[in-house]
Amino acid sequence: MRVRRVPQRTCIGCRQVRQKRELVRIVRTPEGEVVVDLTGKKAGRGAYICSAPACLEAALRAKQLERALNTSISPEKISALRQELGNIV
């Protein structure tokens, strides 16, 4: 009997490796929009982050989110991401 491997991802805020299901995916869609992907299946370039607000702040401060998604993020979109992640916690 084979043991299934659990997918691991790294949080871009705190750099901790966790199970994929424990993290929230933020994706840049092919249209260039940055959105929170709760299903983990949307098309586009994705980055994983813990649901803790401190991890989002650390990723924004170090510009890790912009680097991971290869795009610049407007202040309005940053506040929308903060609000969406705040609703998840």
Protein backbone atom coordinates (compact mmCIF):
# COMPACT_ATOMS: atom_id res chain seq x y z
CA MET A 1 0.00 0.00 0.00
CA ARG A 2 1.38 3.40 -0.99
CA VAL A 3 1.34 6.39 1.31
CA ARG A 4 0.04 9.54 -0.37
CA ARG A 5 2.37 12.48 -0.31
CA VAL A 6 0.84 15.66 1.14
CA PRO A 7 1.54 18.77 -1.01
CA GLN A 8 3.76 21.31 0.77
CA ARG A 9 3.97 25.05 0.04
CA THR A 10 5.98 27.92 1.52
CA CYS A 11 4.30 31.03 2.93
CA ILE A 12 5.79 34.11 1.27
CA GLY A 13 5.33 36.10 4.48
CA CYS A 14 6.90 33.97 7.21
CA ARG A 15 8.75 31.49 4.92
CA GLN A 16 7.38 28.47 6.82
CA VAL A 17 6.66 25.29 4.90
CA ARG A 18 3.13 24.05 5.58
CA GLN A 19 0.55 21.79 4.04
CA LYS A 20 -1.09 23.32 1.00
CA ARG A 21 -4.55 23.19 2.64
CA GLU A 22 -3.36 25.35 5.57
CA LEU A 23 -2.40 28.24 3.28
CA VAL A 24 -4.40 30.72 1.21
CA ARG A 25 -3.54 31.16 -2.47
CA ILE A 26 -3.36 34.61 -4.00
CA VAL A 27 -3.41 34.51 -7.79
CA ARG A 28 -2.72 36.92 -10.65
CA THR A 29 -5.20 35.93 -13.33
CA PRO A 30 -4.32 35.94 -17.03
CA GLU A 31 -6.21 39.27 -17.24
CA GLY A 32 -3.78 40.76 -14.68
CA GLU A 33 -6.21 40.94 -11.74
CA VAL A 34 -4.93 39.95 -8.27
CA VAL A 35 -7.50 37.94 -6.29
CA VAL A 36 -7.71 35.56 -3.34
CA ASP A 37 -8.27 31.99 -4.57
CA LEU A 38 -9.97 29.93 -1.87
CA THR A 39 -10.36 26.88 -4.15
CA GLY A 40 -6.69 26.80 -5.15
CA LYS A 41 -7.65 26.01 -8.74
CA LYS A 42 -7.97 29.35 -10.53
CA ALA A 43 -5.84 29.84 -13.61
CA GLY A 44 -2.88 32.14 -13.26
CA ARG A 45 0.32 32.68 -11.32
CA GLY A 46 -0.15 31.97 -7.63
CA ALA A 47 1.54 32.62 -4.31
CA TYR A 48 0.73 31.05 -0.96
CA ILE A 49 0.38 32.88 2.33
CA CYS A 50 -0.75 32.05 5.87
CA SER A 51 -4.14 33.40 6.87
CA ALA A 52 -2.46 35.44 9.65
CA PRO A 53 -2.53 39.21 8.98
CA ALA A 54 1.11 39.47 10.10
CA CYS A 55 2.23 37.26 7.21
CA LEU A 56 0.43 39.45 4.66
CA GLU A 57 1.98 42.57 6.15
CA ALA A 58 5.46 41.00 6.07
CA ALA A 59 4.99 39.96 2.43
CA LEU A 60 3.80 43.44 1.46
CA ARG A 61 6.56 45.22 3.38
CA ALA A 62 9.29 43.19 1.66
CA LYS A 63 7.47 43.35 -1.72
CA GLN A 64 7.46 39.53 -1.77
CA LEU A 65 3.89 39.34 -3.04
CA GLU A 66 4.63 41.60 -6.00
CA ARG A 67 7.80 39.63 -6.77
CA ALA A 68 6.03 36.27 -6.55
CA LEU A 69 3.19 37.38 -8.84
CA ASN A 70 5.43 39.37 -11.24
CA THR A 71 3.16 42.42 -11.08
CA SER A 72 2.69 45.66 -9.20
CA ILE A 73 -0.25 45.84 -6.82
CA SER A 74 -2.23 49.06 -6.32
CA PRO A 75 -2.93 50.41 -2.80
CA GLU A 76 -6.67 49.84 -3.40
CA LYS A 77 -6.06 46.17 -4.22
CA ILE A 78 -3.81 45.81 -1.15
CA SER A 79 -6.59 47.08 1.11
CA ALA A 80 -9.06 44.71 -0.61
CA LEU A 81 -6.67 41.77 -0.02
CA ARG A 82 -6.34 42.74 3.66
CA GLN A 83 -10.11 42.79 3.99
CA GLU A 84 -10.59 39.44 2.21
CA LEU A 85 -7.93 37.73 4.33
CA GLY A 86 -9.44 39.30 7.45
CA ASN A 87 -12.77 37.67 6.60
CA ILE A 88 -11.11 34.25 6.29
CA VAL A 89 -9.58 34.30 9.78
